[in-house]
Amino acid sequence: MRWWKIAGLAGLAGVAATGVVIARSERKRRAYTPEEIRGRLHERAAEAAIKPELEKP
């Protein structure tokens, strides 16, 4: 087998692995209900409001 065939197969495997990772993360993201997302955003906003106060000298 020539080196370009091996490089091509490795590239193809990399593309397939990337697709799997993207599909898995997309599935996790879509599993949240709108209420869960809203709650998380409110928590992040509350944390962001508190952190600048803690960083002041």
N, C-alpha and C. Protein backbone atom coordinates (compact mmCIF):
# COMPACT_ATOMS: atom_id res chain seq x y z
N MET A 1 0.85 -1.18 0.00
CA MET A 1 0.00 0.00 0.00
C MET A 1 0.90 1.25 0.00
N ARG A 2 0.55 2.18 -0.79
CA ARG A 2 1.36 3.39 -0.86
C ARG A 2 1.02 4.36 0.26
N TRP A 3 1.95 5.26 0.52
CA TRP A 3 1.76 6.19 1.65
C TRP A 3 0.55 7.07 1.45
N TRP A 4 0.21 7.45 0.22
CA TRP A 4 -0.94 8.33 -0.01
C TRP A 4 -2.25 7.62 0.28
N LYS A 5 -2.28 6.30 0.11
CA LYS A 5 -3.49 5.56 0.46
C LYS A 5 -3.68 5.55 1.97
N ILE A 6 -2.60 5.36 2.70
CA ILE A 6 -2.67 5.37 4.16
C ILE A 6 -3.07 6.75 4.66
N ALA A 7 -2.51 7.78 4.08
CA ALA A 7 -2.86 9.15 4.47
C ALA A 7 -4.33 9.44 4.15
N GLY A 8 -4.81 8.96 3.04
CA GLY A 8 -6.21 9.16 2.67
C GLY A 8 -7.16 8.43 3.62
N LEU A 9 -6.81 7.21 3.99
CA LEU A 9 -7.64 6.45 4.94
C LEU A 9 -7.62 7.10 6.31
N ALA A 10 -6.47 7.62 6.74
CA ALA A 10 -6.38 8.31 8.02
C ALA A 10 -7.23 9.58 8.01
N GLY A 11 -7.21 10.29 6.92
CA GLY A 11 -8.03 11.49 6.78
C GLY A 11 -9.51 11.17 6.82
N LEU A 12 -9.88 10.11 6.15
CA LEU A 12 -11.28 9.67 6.14
C LEU A 12 -11.73 9.26 7.54
N ALA A 13 -10.87 8.56 8.26
CA ALA A 13 -11.19 8.17 9.64
C ALA A 13 -11.33 9.41 10.52
N GLY A 14 -10.50 10.41 10.31
CA GLY A 14 -10.59 11.65 11.08
C GLY A 14 -11.89 12.39 10.82
N VAL A 15 -12.31 12.44 9.59
CA VAL A 15 -13.57 13.10 9.24
C VAL A 15 -14.75 12.36 9.88
N ALA A 16 -14.71 11.04 9.82
CA ALA A 16 -15.79 10.25 10.43
C ALA A 16 -15.83 10.44 11.94
N ALA A 17 -14.68 10.47 12.59
CA ALA A 17 -14.63 10.66 14.03
C ALA A 17 -15.15 12.04 14.42
N THR A 18 -14.81 13.04 13.63
CA THR A 18 -15.30 14.39 13.89
C THR A 18 -16.81 14.45 13.76
N GLY A 19 -17.36 13.79 12.78
CA GLY A 19 -18.80 13.74 12.60
C GLY A 19 -19.50 13.08 13.78
N VAL A 20 -18.90 12.03 14.31
CA VAL A 20 -19.47 11.35 15.47
C VAL A 20 -19.49 12.28 16.68
N VAL A 21 -18.41 12.99 16.90
CA VAL A 21 -18.33 13.90 18.04
C VAL A 21 -19.35 15.02 17.91
N ILE A 22 -19.50 15.57 16.73
CA ILE A 22 -20.46 16.65 16.51
C ILE A 22 -21.89 16.14 16.71
N ALA A 23 -22.20 14.98 16.18
CA ALA A 23 -23.54 14.42 16.33
C ALA A 23 -23.86 14.14 17.79
N ARG A 24 -22.90 13.65 18.53
CA ARG A 24 -23.12 13.34 19.94
C ARG A 24 -23.37 14.62 20.74
N SER A 25 -22.59 15.66 20.50
CA SER A 25 -22.79 16.91 21.24
C SER A 25 -24.11 17.57 20.84
N GLU A 26 -24.50 17.45 19.60
CA GLU A 26 -25.77 18.02 19.15
C GLU A 26 -26.94 17.30 19.82
N ARG A 27 -26.83 16.00 19.96
CA ARG A 27 -27.87 15.22 20.62
C ARG A 27 -28.01 15.63 22.09
N LYS A 28 -26.87 15.86 22.76
CA LYS A 28 -26.91 16.32 24.15
C LYS A 28 -27.57 17.69 24.25
N ARG A 29 -27.22 18.57 23.32
CA ARG A 29 -27.74 19.94 23.36
C ARG A 29 -29.24 19.95 23.15
N ARG A 30 -29.73 19.13 22.26
CA ARG A 30 -31.16 19.12 21.95
C ARG A 30 -31.99 18.39 23.00
N ALA A 31 -31.35 17.71 23.94
CA ALA A 31 -32.06 16.95 24.96
C ALA A 31 -32.60 17.85 26.07
N TYR A 32 -32.14 19.10 26.16
CA TYR A 32 -32.59 20.00 27.21
C TYR A 32 -33.97 20.56 26.88
N THR A 33 -34.78 20.72 27.90
CA THR A 33 -36.08 21.36 27.72
C THR A 33 -35.86 22.87 27.75
N PRO A 34 -36.77 23.64 27.20
CA PRO A 34 -36.62 25.10 27.25
C PRO A 34 -36.52 25.64 28.69
N GLU A 35 -37.20 25.00 29.62
CA GLU A 35 -37.14 25.45 31.01
C GLU A 35 -35.74 25.22 31.60
N GLU A 36 -35.11 24.10 31.24
CA GLU A 36 -33.75 23.82 31.72
C GLU A 36 -32.76 24.84 31.16
N ILE A 37 -32.91 25.15 29.89
CA ILE A 37 -32.02 26.13 29.26
C ILE A 37 -32.20 27.50 29.91
N ARG A 38 -33.44 27.89 30.11
CA ARG A 38 -33.73 29.17 30.73
C ARG A 38 -33.13 29.23 32.14
N GLY A 39 -33.27 28.16 32.90
CA GLY A 39 -32.71 28.11 34.25
C GLY A 39 -31.20 28.23 34.24
N ARG A 40 -30.54 27.55 33.32
CA ARG A 40 -29.08 27.63 33.22
C ARG A 40 -28.63 29.04 32.84
N LEU A 41 -29.35 29.67 31.93
CA LEU A 41 -29.00 31.03 31.54
C LEU A 41 -29.15 31.99 32.72
N HIS A 42 -30.20 31.82 33.52
CA HIS A 42 -30.38 32.67 34.69
C HIS A 42 -29.26 32.45 35.70
N GLU A 43 -28.83 31.20 35.88
CA GLU A 43 -27.72 30.91 36.79
C GLU A 43 -26.43 31.57 36.30
N ARG A 44 -26.16 31.48 35.02
CA ARG A 44 -24.95 32.10 34.46
C ARG A 44 -24.99 33.62 34.62
N ALA A 45 -26.16 34.20 34.38
CA ALA A 45 -26.28 35.66 34.51
C ALA A 45 -26.04 36.08 35.96
N ALA A 46 -26.55 35.31 36.91
CA ALA A 46 -26.35 35.63 38.32
C ALA A 46 -24.87 35.50 38.68
N GLU A 47 -24.20 34.47 38.18
CA GLU A 47 -22.76 34.31 38.43
C GLU A 47 -21.96 35.45 37.83
N ALA A 48 -22.33 35.86 36.62
CA ALA A 48 -21.61 36.95 35.95
C ALA A 48 -21.79 38.26 36.71
N ALA A 49 -22.93 38.45 37.34
CA ALA A 49 -23.17 39.67 38.10
C ALA A 49 -22.37 39.67 39.40
N ILE A 50 -22.12 38.50 39.96
CA ILE A 50 -21.39 38.40 41.23
C ILE A 50 -19.87 38.46 41.01
N LYS A 51 -19.36 37.84 39.99
CA LYS A 51 -17.92 37.74 39.78
C LYS A 51 -17.23 39.10 39.65
N PRO A 52 -17.74 40.07 38.91
CA PRO A 52 -17.02 41.35 38.84
C PRO A 52 -16.88 42.01 40.21
N GLU A 53 -17.84 41.82 41.09
CA GLU A 53 -17.74 42.40 42.42
C GLU A 53 -16.62 41.76 43.21
N LEU A 54 -16.39 40.47 43.01
CA LEU A 54 -15.35 39.77 43.73
C LEU A 54 -13.96 40.12 43.22
N GLU A 55 -13.84 40.50 41.99
CA GLU A 55 -12.54 40.79 41.38
C GLU A 55 -12.04 42.20 41.67
N LYS A 56 -12.89 43.07 42.21
CA LYS A 56 -12.46 44.43 42.49
C LYS A 56 -11.49 44.44 43.65
N PRO A 57 -10.39 45.23 43.55
CA PRO A 57 -9.39 45.27 44.65
C PRO A 57 -9.86 46.10 45.83
